[in-house]
Amino acid sequence: MHTQDVRVTVRINRELKESAETLFGYLGLNMSNAINIFLRKTVEQRGIPFPVDTNSQGFGGLCSSEVTKIFNDAVEQGIAYKNKKGLPVARYDLDLKRAYLENADGSRDYV
C-alpha cells in the first residue's frame, strides 16, 4: 500500500464476490484493482460510468454482458492511457496469486 492509501470495508453477497473475483482474474485484476478502476472512472466522468436508474432491473436496464463490456472497455482505456504515458499497469498473476505492476518494458514488479 502507498502512504496515502486507505482501507475500505464493504459487505457484499458471497456469490457476487466470488463471481467478480473470477471475472477480474480473467482480466488480470484483483478486487482492489477493479474497485479502484471503477472509482477513478466515476470521478473522471463525475458520475456512475454506466446508466443506473430506479425504473429498471439490474444496471440501468443493461444485461450482464453489456455491463461486462462497459467495464472491459473502461479497463482497456485505462491500460491504453497508462501505456501511452509509459506508466506501469496493475495486474494479477493467477498462478502465483500475487498482484504486480507491469512496466512499459514488460518487466514485472510483484507487490
PDB file of N, CA and C in Angstrom:
ATOM      1  N   MET A   1       0.834  -1.188   0.000  1.00  0.00           N
ATOM      2  CA  MET A   1       0.000   0.000   0.000  1.00  0.00           C
ATOM      3  C   MET A   1       0.871   1.241   0.000  1.00  0.00           C
ATOM      4  N   HIS A   2       0.395   2.273  -0.654  1.00  0.00           N
ATOM      5  CA  HIS A   2       1.073   3.555  -0.647  1.00  0.00           C
ATOM      6  C   HIS A   2       0.720   4.305   0.629  1.00  0.00           C
ATOM      7  N   THR A   3       1.525   5.290   0.986  1.00  0.00           N
ATOM      8  CA  THR A   3       1.296   6.007   2.234  1.00  0.00           C
ATOM      9  C   THR A   3      -0.047   6.727   2.271  1.00  0.00           C
ATOM     10  N   GLN A   4      -0.602   7.089   1.135  1.00  0.00           N
ATOM     11  CA  GLN A   4      -1.890   7.786   1.116  1.00  0.00           C
ATOM     12  C   GLN A   4      -3.066   6.831   0.908  1.00  0.00           C
ATOM     13  N   ASP A   5      -2.796   5.540   0.756  1.00  0.00           N
ATOM     14  CA  ASP A   5      -3.868   4.569   0.574  1.00  0.00           C
ATOM     15  C   ASP A   5      -4.611   4.356   1.888  1.00  0.00           C
ATOM     16  N   VAL A   6      -5.893   4.097   1.794  1.00  0.00           N
ATOM     17  CA  VAL A   6      -6.712   3.779   2.966  1.00  0.00           C
ATOM     18  C   VAL A   6      -7.458   2.477   2.704  1.00  0.00           C
ATOM     19  N   ARG A   7      -7.829   1.807   3.748  1.00  0.00           N
ATOM     20  CA  ARG A   7      -8.585   0.558   3.641  1.00  0.00           C
ATOM     21  C   ARG A   7     -10.078   0.887   3.685  1.00  0.00           C
ATOM     22  N   VAL A   8     -10.834   0.256   2.795  1.00  0.00           N
ATOM     23  CA  VAL A   8     -12.282   0.412   2.755  1.00  0.00           C
ATOM     24  C   VAL A   8     -12.890  -0.977   2.930  1.00  0.00           C
ATOM     25  N   THR A   9     -13.865  -1.099   3.798  1.00  0.00           N
ATOM     26  CA  THR A   9     -14.535  -2.376   4.033  1.00  0.00           C
ATOM     27  C   THR A   9     -15.979  -2.271   3.576  1.00  0.00           C
ATOM     28  N   VAL A  10     -16.406  -3.226   2.753  1.00  0.00           N
ATOM     29  CA  VAL A  10     -17.792  -3.260   2.297  1.00  0.00           C
ATOM     30  C   VAL A  10     -18.331  -4.671   2.469  1.00  0.00           C
ATOM     31  N   ARG A  11     -19.622  -4.778   2.617  1.00  0.00           N
ATOM     32  CA  ARG A  11     -20.278  -6.092   2.701  1.00  0.00           C
ATOM     33  C   ARG A  11     -20.997  -6.337   1.379  1.00  0.00           C
ATOM     34  N   ILE A  12     -20.714  -7.505   0.787  1.00  0.00           N
ATOM     35  CA  ILE A  12     -21.393  -7.888  -0.446  1.00  0.00           C
ATOM     36  C   ILE A  12     -21.749  -9.366  -0.365  1.00  0.00           C
ATOM     37  N   ASN A  13     -22.664  -9.778  -1.200  1.00  0.00           N
ATOM     38  CA  ASN A  13     -23.080 -11.165  -1.288  1.00  0.00           C
ATOM     39  C   ASN A  13     -21.881 -12.039  -1.660  1.00  0.00           C
ATOM     40  N   ARG A  14     -21.728 -13.174  -0.981  1.00  0.00           N
ATOM     41  CA  ARG A  14     -20.584 -14.067  -1.210  1.00  0.00           C
ATOM     42  C   ARG A  14     -20.500 -14.527  -2.669  1.00  0.00           C
ATOM     43  N   GLU A  15     -21.644 -14.912  -3.256  1.00  0.00           N
ATOM     44  CA  GLU A  15     -21.637 -15.383  -4.646  1.00  0.00           C
ATOM     45  C   GLU A  15     -21.231 -14.272  -5.606  1.00  0.00           C
ATOM     46  N   LEU A  16     -21.712 -13.059  -5.362  1.00  0.00           N
ATOM     47  CA  LEU A  16     -21.332 -11.914  -6.191  1.00  0.00           C
ATOM     48  C   LEU A  16     -19.831 -11.684  -6.098  1.00  0.00           C
ATOM     49  N   LYS A  17     -19.282 -11.728  -4.901  1.00  0.00           N
ATOM     50  CA  LYS A  17     -17.841 -11.525  -4.688  1.00  0.00           C
ATOM     51  C   LYS A  17     -17.041 -12.574  -5.454  1.00  0.00           C
ATOM     52  N   GLU A  18     -17.437 -13.850  -5.319  1.00  0.00           N
ATOM     53  CA  GLU A  18     -16.704 -14.922  -5.993  1.00  0.00           C
ATOM     54  C   GLU A  18     -16.786 -14.795  -7.511  1.00  0.00           C
ATOM     55  N   SER A  19     -17.970 -14.447  -8.020  1.00  0.00           N
ATOM     56  CA  SER A  19     -18.126 -14.264  -9.470  1.00  0.00           C
ATOM     57  C   SER A  19     -17.276 -13.098  -9.958  1.00  0.00           C
ATOM     58  N   ALA A  20     -17.293 -12.008  -9.200  1.00  0.00           N
ATOM     59  CA  ALA A  20     -16.495 -10.835  -9.579  1.00  0.00           C
ATOM     60  C   ALA A  20     -15.008 -11.168  -9.550  1.00  0.00           C
ATOM     61  N   GLU A  21     -14.552 -11.879  -8.526  1.00  0.00           N
ATOM     62  CA  GLU A  21     -13.138 -12.246  -8.442  1.00  0.00           C
ATOM     63  C   GLU A  21     -12.724 -13.117  -9.628  1.00  0.00           C
ATOM     64  N   THR A  22     -13.597 -14.011 -10.038  1.00  0.00           N
ATOM     65  CA  THR A  22     -13.303 -14.849 -11.202  1.00  0.00           C
ATOM     66  C   THR A  22     -13.165 -13.997 -12.456  1.00  0.00           C
ATOM     67  N   LEU A  23     -14.126 -13.103 -12.679  1.00  0.00           N
ATOM     68  CA  LEU A  23     -14.067 -12.216 -13.839  1.00  0.00           C
ATOM     69  C   LEU A  23     -12.812 -11.354 -13.799  1.00  0.00           C
ATOM     70  N   PHE A  24     -12.537 -10.740 -12.656  1.00  0.00           N
ATOM     71  CA  PHE A  24     -11.371  -9.875 -12.541  1.00  0.00           C
ATOM     72  C   PHE A  24     -10.084 -10.659 -12.782  1.00  0.00           C
ATOM     73  N   GLY A  25     -10.045 -11.899 -12.300  1.00  0.00           N
ATOM     74  CA  GLY A  25      -8.875 -12.738 -12.527  1.00  0.00           C
ATOM     75  C   GLY A  25      -8.612 -12.950 -14.007  1.00  0.00           C
ATOM     76  N   TYR A  26      -9.676 -13.199 -14.772  1.00  0.00           N
ATOM     77  CA  TYR A  26      -9.533 -13.353 -16.227  1.00  0.00           C
ATOM     78  C   TYR A  26      -9.016 -12.075 -16.874  1.00  0.00           C
ATOM     79  N   LEU A  27      -9.347 -10.937 -16.268  1.00  0.00           N
ATOM     80  CA  LEU A  27      -8.908  -9.644 -16.791  1.00  0.00           C
ATOM     81  C   LEU A  27      -7.524  -9.248 -16.272  1.00  0.00           C
ATOM     82  N   GLY A  28      -6.944 -10.097 -15.425  1.00  0.00           N
ATOM     83  CA  GLY A  28      -5.633  -9.785 -14.866  1.00  0.00           C
ATOM     84  C   GLY A  28      -5.705  -8.795 -13.717  1.00  0.00           C
ATOM     85  N   LEU A  29      -6.846  -8.741 -13.054  1.00  0.00           N
ATOM     86  CA  LEU A  29      -7.050  -7.793 -11.962  1.00  0.00           C
ATOM     87  C   LEU A  29      -7.428  -8.533 -10.683  1.00  0.00           C
ATOM     88  N   ASN A  30      -7.307  -7.839  -9.568  1.00  0.00           N
ATOM     89  CA  ASN A  30      -7.883  -8.333  -8.334  1.00  0.00           C
ATOM     90  C   ASN A  30      -9.008  -7.380  -7.937  1.00  0.00           C
ATOM     91  N   MET A  31      -9.690  -7.676  -6.856  1.00  0.00           N
ATOM     92  CA  MET A  31     -10.845  -6.870  -6.440  1.00  0.00           C
ATOM     93  C   MET A  31     -10.437  -5.416  -6.200  1.00  0.00           C
ATOM     94  N   SER A  32      -9.320  -5.212  -5.536  1.00  0.00           N
ATOM     95  CA  SER A  32      -8.867  -3.855  -5.240  1.00  0.00           C
ATOM     96  C   SER A  32      -8.595  -3.061  -6.519  1.00  0.00           C
ATOM     97  N   ASN A  33      -7.905  -3.697  -7.492  1.00  0.00           N
ATOM     98  CA  ASN A  33      -7.650  -3.026  -8.772  1.00  0.00           C
ATOM     99  C   ASN A  33      -8.956  -2.632  -9.446  1.00  0.00           C
ATOM    100  N   ALA A  34      -9.911  -3.562  -9.486  1.00  0.00           N
ATOM    101  CA  ALA A  34     -11.178  -3.324 -10.167  1.00  0.00           C
ATOM    102  C   ALA A  34     -11.962  -2.197  -9.503  1.00  0.00           C
ATOM    103  N   ILE A  35     -12.008  -2.203  -8.181  1.00  0.00           N
ATOM    104  CA  ILE A  35     -12.732  -1.147  -7.475  1.00  0.00           C
ATOM    105  C   ILE A  35     -12.058   0.194  -7.712  1.00  0.00           C
ATOM    106  N   ASN A  36     -10.727   0.216  -7.711  1.00  0.00           N
ATOM    107  CA  ASN A  36     -10.012   1.460  -7.993  1.00  0.00           C
ATOM    108  C   ASN A  36     -10.310   1.964  -9.400  1.00  0.00           C
ATOM    109  N   ILE A  37     -10.382   1.056 -10.381  1.00  0.00           N
ATOM    110  CA  ILE A  37     -10.715   1.452 -11.750  1.00  0.00           C
ATOM    111  C   ILE A  37     -12.110   2.057 -11.782  1.00  0.00           C
ATOM    112  N   PHE A  38     -13.072   1.382 -11.128  1.00  0.00           N
ATOM    113  CA  PHE A  38     -14.435   1.893 -11.087  1.00  0.00           C
ATOM    114  C   PHE A  38     -14.474   3.278 -10.448  1.00  0.00           C
ATOM    115  N   LEU A  39     -13.803   3.449  -9.312  1.00  0.00           N
ATOM    116  CA  LEU A  39     -13.825   4.741  -8.626  1.00  0.00           C
ATOM    117  C   LEU A  39     -13.155   5.834  -9.456  1.00  0.00           C
ATOM    118  N   ARG A  40     -12.014   5.510 -10.087  1.00  0.00           N
ATOM    119  CA  ARG A  40     -11.330   6.504 -10.924  1.00  0.00           C
ATOM    120  C   ARG A  40     -12.221   6.924 -12.099  1.00  0.00           C
ATOM    121  N   LYS A  41     -12.863   5.953 -12.738  1.00  0.00           N
ATOM    122  CA  LYS A  41     -13.732   6.257 -13.878  1.00  0.00           C
ATOM    123  C   LYS A  41     -14.934   7.078 -13.418  1.00  0.00           C
ATOM    124  N   THR A  42     -15.473   6.760 -12.249  1.00  0.00           N
ATOM    125  CA  THR A  42     -16.598   7.503 -11.704  1.00  0.00           C
ATOM    126  C   THR A  42     -16.208   8.956 -11.453  1.00  0.00           C
ATOM    127  N   VAL A  43     -15.046   9.169 -10.854  1.00  0.00           N
ATOM    128  CA  VAL A  43     -14.576  10.534 -10.586  1.00  0.00           C
ATOM    129  C   VAL A  43     -14.297  11.253 -11.907  1.00  0.00           C
ATOM    130  N   GLU A  44     -13.649  10.566 -12.842  1.00  0.00           N
ATOM    131  CA  GLU A  44     -13.331  11.171 -14.144  1.00  0.00           C
ATOM    132  C   GLU A  44     -14.592  11.618 -14.872  1.00  0.00           C
ATOM    133  N   GLN A  45     -15.639  10.796 -14.837  1.00  0.00           N
ATOM    134  CA  GLN A  45     -16.882  11.118 -15.542  1.00  0.00           C
ATOM    135  C   GLN A  45     -17.851  11.907 -14.668  1.00  0.00           C
ATOM    136  N   ARG A  46     -17.482  12.100 -13.422  1.00  0.00           N
ATOM    137  CA  ARG A  46     -18.319  12.829 -12.461  1.00  0.00           C
ATOM    138  C   ARG A  46     -19.704  12.195 -12.340  1.00  0.00           C
ATOM    139  N   GLY A  47     -19.716  10.859 -12.357  1.00  0.00           N
ATOM    140  CA  GLY A  47     -20.948  10.087 -12.226  1.00  0.00           C
ATOM    141  C   GLY A  47     -20.668   8.624 -12.468  1.00  0.00           C
ATOM    142  N   ILE A  48     -21.649   7.792 -12.227  1.00  0.00           N
ATOM    143  CA  ILE A  48     -21.508   6.356 -12.468  1.00  0.00           C
ATOM    144  C   ILE A  48     -21.217   6.157 -13.958  1.00  0.00           C
ATOM    145  N   PRO A  49     -20.197   5.352 -14.301  1.00  0.00           N
ATOM    146  CA  PRO A  49     -19.786   5.233 -15.707  1.00  0.00           C
ATOM    147  C   PRO A  49     -20.663   4.332 -16.564  1.00  0.00           C
ATOM    148  N   PHE A  50     -21.884   4.081 -16.130  1.00  0.00           N
ATOM    149  CA  PHE A  50     -22.862   3.360 -16.925  1.00  0.00           C
ATOM    150  C   PHE A  50     -24.244   3.781 -16.418  1.00  0.00           C
ATOM    151  N   PRO A  51     -25.285   3.639 -17.244  1.00  0.00           N
ATOM    152  CA  PRO A  51     -26.614   4.102 -16.828  1.00  0.00           C
ATOM    153  C   PRO A  51     -27.142   3.336 -15.613  1.00  0.00           C
ATOM    154  N   VAL A  52     -27.682   4.060 -14.649  1.00  0.00           N
ATOM    155  CA  VAL A  52     -28.323   3.467 -13.480  1.00  0.00           C
ATOM    156  C   VAL A  52     -29.586   4.267 -13.203  1.00  0.00           C
ATOM    157  N   ASP A  53     -30.729   3.586 -13.096  1.00  0.00           N
ATOM    158  CA  ASP A  53     -31.949   4.282 -12.714  1.00  0.00           C
ATOM    159  C   ASP A  53     -32.814   3.347 -11.878  1.00  0.00           C
ATOM    160  N   THR A  54     -33.833   3.891 -11.264  1.00  0.00           N
ATOM    161  CA  THR A  54     -34.688   3.105 -10.373  1.00  0.00           C
ATOM    162  C   THR A  54     -35.833   2.432 -11.103  1.00  0.00           C
ATOM    163  N   ASN A  55     -35.991   2.700 -12.388  1.00  0.00           N
ATOM    164  CA  ASN A  55     -37.105   2.136 -13.145  1.00  0.00           C
ATOM    165  C   ASN A  55     -36.765   0.830 -13.850  1.00  0.00           C
ATOM    166  N   SER A  56     -35.517   0.398 -13.754  1.00  0.00           N
ATOM    167  CA  SER A  56     -35.091  -0.798 -14.469  1.00  0.00           C
ATOM    168  C   SER A  56     -34.488  -1.799 -13.495  1.00  0.00           C
ATOM    169  N   GLN A  57     -34.483  -3.033 -13.913  1.00  0.00           N
ATOM    170  CA  GLN A  57     -33.806  -4.047 -13.123  1.00  0.00           C
ATOM    171  C   GLN A  57     -32.333  -4.062 -13.511  1.00  0.00           C
ATOM    172  N   GLY A  58     -31.511  -4.529 -12.612  1.00  0.00           N
ATOM    173  CA  GLY A  58     -30.093  -4.639 -12.917  1.00  0.00           C
ATOM    174  C   GLY A  58     -29.424  -3.284 -12.995  1.00  0.00           C
ATOM    175  N   PHE A  59     -28.520  -3.142 -13.924  1.00  0.00           N
ATOM    176  CA  PHE A  59     -27.728  -1.929 -14.079  1.00  0.00           C
ATOM    177  C   PHE A  59     -28.330  -1.043 -15.150  1.00  0.00           C
ATOM    178  N   GLY A  60     -29.337  -0.255 -14.773  1.00  0.00           N
ATOM    179  CA  GLY A  60     -29.953   0.664 -15.707  1.00  0.00           C
ATOM    180  C   GLY A  60     -30.573  -0.027 -16.896  1.00  0.00           C
ATOM    181  N   GLY A  61     -31.044  -1.243 -16.708  1.00  0.00           N
ATOM    182  CA  GLY A  61     -31.654  -1.984 -17.795  1.00  0.00           C
ATOM    183  C   GLY A  61     -30.653  -2.721 -18.663  1.00  0.00           C
ATOM    184  N   LEU A  62     -29.370  -2.639 -18.324  1.00  0.00           N
ATOM    185  CA  LEU A  62     -28.347  -3.336 -19.097  1.00  0.00           C
ATOM    186  C   LEU A  62     -28.253  -4.780 -18.640  1.00  0.00           C
ATOM    187  N   CYS A  63     -28.035  -5.679 -19.573  1.00  0.00           N
ATOM    188  CA  CYS A  63     -27.812  -7.068 -19.193  1.00  0.00           C
ATOM    189  C   CYS A  63     -26.363  -7.217 -18.734  1.00  0.00           C
ATOM    190  N   SER A  64     -26.063  -8.337 -18.117  1.00  0.00           N
ATOM    191  CA  SER A  64     -24.729  -8.523 -17.550  1.00  0.00           C
ATOM    192  C   SER A  64     -23.631  -8.453 -18.615  1.00  0.00           C
ATOM    193  N   SER A  65     -23.905  -8.919 -19.830  1.00  0.00           N
ATOM    194  CA  SER A  65     -22.875  -8.853 -20.869  1.00  0.00           C
ATOM    195  C   SER A  65     -22.588  -7.409 -21.274  1.00  0.00           C
ATOM    196  N   GLU A  66     -23.610  -6.543 -21.237  1.00  0.00           N
ATOM    197  CA  GLU A  66     -23.406  -5.128 -21.555  1.00  0.00           C
ATOM    198  C   GLU A  66     -22.590  -4.447 -20.460  1.00  0.00           C
ATOM    199  N   VAL A  67     -22.901  -4.770 -19.200  1.00  0.00           N
ATOM    200  CA  VAL A  67     -22.128  -4.208 -18.085  1.00  0.00           C
ATOM    201  C   VAL A  67     -20.685  -4.690 -18.174  1.00  0.00           C
ATOM    202  N   THR A  68     -20.505  -5.961 -18.489  1.00  0.00           N
ATOM    203  CA  THR A  68     -19.147  -6.508 -18.635  1.00  0.00           C
ATOM    204  C   THR A  68     -18.396  -5.796 -19.743  1.00  0.00           C
ATOM    205  N   LYS A  69     -19.068  -5.537 -20.870  1.00  0.00           N
ATOM    206  CA  LYS A  69     -18.412  -4.831 -21.981  1.00  0.00           C
ATOM    207  C   LYS A  69     -18.014  -3.424 -21.564  1.00  0.00           C
ATOM    208  N   ILE A  70     -18.909  -2.712 -20.887  1.00  0.00           N
ATOM    209  CA  ILE A  70     -18.596  -1.358 -20.423  1.00  0.00           C
ATOM    210  C   ILE A  70     -17.403  -1.393 -19.474  1.00  0.00           C
ATOM    211  N   PHE A  71     -17.413  -2.346 -18.556  1.00  0.00           N
ATOM    212  CA  PHE A  71     -16.301  -2.479 -17.614  1.00  0.00           C
ATOM    213  C   PHE A  71     -15.006  -2.803 -18.356  1.00  0.00           C
ATOM    214  N   ASN A  72     -15.051  -3.776 -19.267  1.00  0.00           N
ATOM    215  CA  ASN A  72     -13.851  -4.149 -20.027  1.00  0.00           C
ATOM    216  C   ASN A  72     -13.322  -2.974 -20.841  1.00  0.00           C
ATOM    217  N   ASP A  73     -14.224  -2.208 -21.453  1.00  0.00           N
ATOM    218  CA  ASP A  73     -13.813  -1.029 -22.221  1.00  0.00           C
ATOM    219  C   ASP A  73     -13.106  -0.011 -21.320  1.00  0.00           C
ATOM    220  N   ALA A  74     -13.650   0.189 -20.106  1.00  0.00           N
ATOM    221  CA  ALA A  74     -13.027   1.125 -19.155  1.00  0.00           C
ATOM    222  C   ALA A  74     -11.641   0.635 -18.752  1.00  0.00           C
ATOM    223  N   VAL A  75     -11.506  -0.671 -18.536  1.00  0.00           N
ATOM    224  CA  VAL A  75     -10.199  -1.247 -18.189  1.00  0.00           C
ATOM    225  C   VAL A  75      -9.223  -1.037 -19.333  1.00  0.00           C
ATOM    226  N   GLU A  76      -9.667  -1.346 -20.555  1.00  0.00           N
ATOM    227  CA  GLU A  76      -8.798  -1.191 -21.723  1.00  0.00           C
ATOM    228  C   GLU A  76      -8.375   0.262 -21.923  1.00  0.00           C
ATOM    229  N   GLN A  77      -9.300   1.198 -21.705  1.00  0.00           N
ATOM    230  CA  GLN A  77      -8.964   2.620 -21.825  1.00  0.00           C
ATOM    231  C   GLN A  77      -7.920   3.017 -20.786  1.00  0.00           C
ATOM    232  N   GLY A  78      -8.082   2.501 -19.576  1.00  0.00           N
ATOM    233  CA  GLY A  78      -7.111   2.788 -18.514  1.00  0.00           C
ATOM    234  C   GLY A  78      -5.740   2.238 -18.842  1.00  0.00           C
ATOM    235  N   ILE A  79      -5.694   1.011 -19.359  1.00  0.00           N
ATOM    236  CA  ILE A  79      -4.420   0.393 -19.737  1.00  0.00           C
ATOM    237  C   ILE A  79      -3.789   1.164 -20.895  1.00  0.00           C
ATOM    238  N   ALA A  80      -4.584   1.530 -21.893  1.00  0.00           N
ATOM    239  CA  ALA A  80      -4.064   2.280 -23.047  1.00  0.00           C
ATOM    240  C   ALA A  80      -3.482   3.614 -22.599  1.00  0.00           C
ATOM    241  N   TYR A  81      -4.179   4.288 -21.688  1.00  0.00           N
ATOM    242  CA  TYR A  81      -3.694   5.569 -21.167  1.00  0.00           C
ATOM    243  C   TYR A  81      -2.350   5.386 -20.468  1.00  0.00           C
ATOM    244  N   LYS A  82      -2.263   4.370 -19.604  1.00  0.00           N
ATOM    245  CA  LYS A  82      -1.016   4.138 -18.876  1.00  0.00           C
ATOM    246  C   LYS A  82       0.112   3.756 -19.839  1.00  0.00           C
ATOM    247  N   ASN A  83      -0.187   2.922 -20.836  1.00  0.00           N
ATOM    248  CA  ASN A  83       0.826   2.543 -21.819  1.00  0.00           C
ATOM    249  C   ASN A  83       1.319   3.766 -22.586  1.00  0.00           C
ATOM    250  N   LYS A  84       0.393   4.633 -22.970  1.00  0.00           N
ATOM    251  CA  LYS A  84       0.735   5.850 -23.714  1.00  0.00           C
ATOM    252  C   LYS A  84       1.672   6.742 -22.899  1.00  0.00           C
ATOM    253  N   LYS A  85       1.422   6.805 -21.602  1.00  0.00           N
ATOM    254  CA  LYS A  85       2.229   7.635 -20.705  1.00  0.00           C
ATOM    255  C   LYS A  85       3.482   6.921 -20.196  1.00  0.00           C
ATOM    256  N   GLY A  86       3.640   5.633 -20.554  1.00  0.00           N
ATOM    257  CA  GLY A  86       4.788   4.876 -20.082  1.00  0.00           C
ATOM    258  C   GLY A  86       4.693   4.512 -18.610  1.00  0.00           C
ATOM    259  N   LEU A  87       3.471   4.466 -18.080  1.00  0.00           N
ATOM    260  CA  LEU A  87       3.250   4.164 -16.664  1.00  0.00           C
ATOM    261  C   LEU A  87       3.020   2.667 -16.462  1.00  0.00           C
ATOM    262  N   PRO A  88       3.350   2.148 -15.293  1.00  0.00           N
ATOM    263  CA  PRO A  88       3.092   0.722 -15.036  1.00  0.00           C
ATOM    264  C   PRO A  88       1.596   0.437 -14.935  1.00  0.00           C
ATOM    265  N   VAL A  89       1.228  -0.793 -15.269  1.00  0.00           N
ATOM    266  CA  VAL A  89      -0.159  -1.232 -15.226  1.00  0.00           C
ATOM    267  C   VAL A  89      -0.294  -2.295 -14.141  1.00  0.00           C
ATOM    268  N   ALA A  90      -1.273  -2.143 -13.261  1.00  0.00           N
ATOM    269  CA  ALA A  90      -1.526  -3.130 -12.212  1.00  0.00           C
ATOM    270  C   ALA A  90      -2.151  -4.376 -12.834  1.00  0.00           C
ATOM    271  N   ARG A  91      -1.616  -5.520 -12.483  1.00  0.00           N
ATOM    272  CA  ARG A  91      -2.124  -6.800 -12.989  1.00  0.00           C
ATOM    273  C   ARG A  91      -2.129  -7.801 -11.844  1.00  0.00           C
ATOM    274  N   TYR A  92      -2.675  -8.984 -12.113  1.00  0.00           N
ATOM    275  CA  TYR A  92      -2.741 -10.033 -11.100  1.00  0.00           C
ATOM    276  C   TYR A  92      -2.347 -11.350 -11.736  1.00  0.00           C
ATOM    277  N   ASP A  93      -1.395 -12.035 -11.125  1.00  0.00           N
ATOM    278  CA  ASP A  93      -0.910 -13.323 -11.603  1.00  0.00           C
ATOM    279  C   ASP A  93      -1.753 -14.415 -10.942  1.00  0.00           C
ATOM    280  N   LEU A  94      -2.603 -15.072 -11.733  1.00  0.00           N
ATOM    281  CA  LEU A  94      -3.488 -16.099 -11.185  1.00  0.00           C
ATOM    282  C   LEU A  94      -2.719 -17.301 -10.660  1.00  0.00           C
ATOM    283  N   ASP A  95      -1.617 -17.658 -11.331  1.00  0.00           N
ATOM    284  CA  ASP A  95      -0.832 -18.811 -10.896  1.00  0.00           C
ATOM    285  C   ASP A  95      -0.162 -18.549  -9.550  1.00  0.00           C
ATOM    286  N   LEU A  96       0.451 -17.385  -9.415  1.00  0.00           N
ATOM    287  CA  LEU A  96       1.150 -17.051  -8.170  1.00  0.00           C
ATOM    288  C   LEU A  96       0.229 -16.429  -7.129  1.00  0.00           C
ATOM    289  N   LYS A  97      -0.989 -16.054  -7.577  1.00  0.00           N
ATOM    290  CA  LYS A  97      -1.945 -15.375  -6.686  1.00  0.00           C
ATOM    291  C   LYS A  97      -1.311 -14.142  -6.038  1.00  0.00           C
ATOM    292  N   ARG A  98      -0.671 -13.339  -6.913  1.00  0.00           N
ATOM    293  CA  ARG A  98       0.004 -12.121  -6.455  1.00  0.00           C
ATOM    294  C   ARG A  98      -0.226 -10.994  -7.453  1.00  0.00           C
ATOM    295  N   ALA A  99      -0.406  -9.816  -6.911  1.00  0.00           N
ATOM    296  CA  ALA A  99      -0.518  -8.624  -7.750  1.00  0.00           C
ATOM    297  C   ALA A  99       0.878  -8.174  -8.164  1.00  0.00           C
ATOM    298  N   TYR A 100       0.945  -7.513  -9.320  1.00  0.00           N
ATOM    299  CA  TYR A 100       2.219  -6.967  -9.776  1.00  0.00           C
ATOM    300  C   TYR A 100       1.973  -5.755 -10.649  1.00  0.00           C
ATOM    301  N   LEU A 101       3.029  -4.989 -10.829  1.00  0.00           N
ATOM    302  CA  LEU A 101       2.992  -3.872 -11.769  1.00  0.00           C
ATOM    303  C   LEU A 101       3.763  -4.302 -13.006  1.00  0.00           C
ATOM    304  N   GLU A 102       3.129  -4.163 -14.161  1.00  0.00           N
ATOM    305  CA  GLU A 102       3.794  -4.472 -15.425  1.00  0.00           C
ATOM    306  C   GLU A 102       4.321  -3.141 -15.969  1.00  0.00           C
ATOM    307  N   ASN A 103       5.628  -3.036 -16.081  1.00  0.00           N
ATOM    308  CA  ASN A 103       6.273  -1.811 -16.539  1.00  0.00           C
ATOM    309  C   ASN A 103       6.205  -1.712 -18.065  1.00  0.00           C
ATOM    310  N   ALA A 104       6.470  -0.524 -18.573  1.00  0.00           N
ATOM    311  CA  ALA A 104       6.406  -0.277 -20.020  1.00  0.00           C
ATOM    312  C   ALA A 104       7.333  -1.205 -20.795  1.00  0.00           C
ATOM    313  N   ASP A 105       8.452  -1.622 -20.169  1.00  0.00           N
ATOM    314  CA  ASP A 105       9.390  -2.512 -20.846  1.00  0.00           C
ATOM    315  C   ASP A 105       8.998  -3.994 -20.733  1.00  0.00           C
ATOM    316  N   GLY A 106       7.851  -4.261 -20.085  1.00  0.00           N
ATOM    317  CA  GLY A 106       7.373  -5.643 -19.948  1.00  0.00           C
ATOM    318  C   GLY A 106       7.813  -6.323 -18.662  1.00  0.00           C
ATOM    319  N   SER A 107       8.712  -5.711 -17.931  1.00  0.00           N
ATOM    320  CA  SER A 107       9.158  -6.313 -16.674  1.00  0.00           C
ATOM    321  C   SER A 107       8.054  -6.202 -15.626  1.00  0.00           C
ATOM    322  N   ARG A 108       8.159  -7.079 -14.605  1.00  0.00           N
ATOM    323  CA  ARG A 108       7.150  -7.111 -13.554  1.00  0.00           C
ATOM    324  C   ARG A 108       7.767  -6.819 -12.199  1.00  0.00           C
ATOM    325  N   ASP A 109       7.050  -6.025 -11.418  1.00  0.00           N
ATOM    326  CA  ASP A 109       7.404  -5.776 -10.030  1.00  0.00           C
ATOM    327  C   ASP A 109       6.271  -6.311  -9.173  1.00  0.00           C
ATOM    328  N   TYR A 110       6.507  -7.438  -8.509  1.00  0.00           N
ATOM    329  CA  TYR A 110       5.465  -8.041  -7.668  1.00  0.00           C
ATOM    330  C   TYR A 110       5.341  -7.275  -6.365  1.00  0.00           C
ATOM    331  N   VAL A 111       4.108  -7.161  -5.888  1.00  0.00           N
ATOM    332  CA  VAL A 111       3.861  -6.434  -4.635  1.00  0.00           C
ATOM    333  C   VAL A 111       3.358  -7.395  -3.588  1.00  0.00           C
TER     334      VAL A 111
END
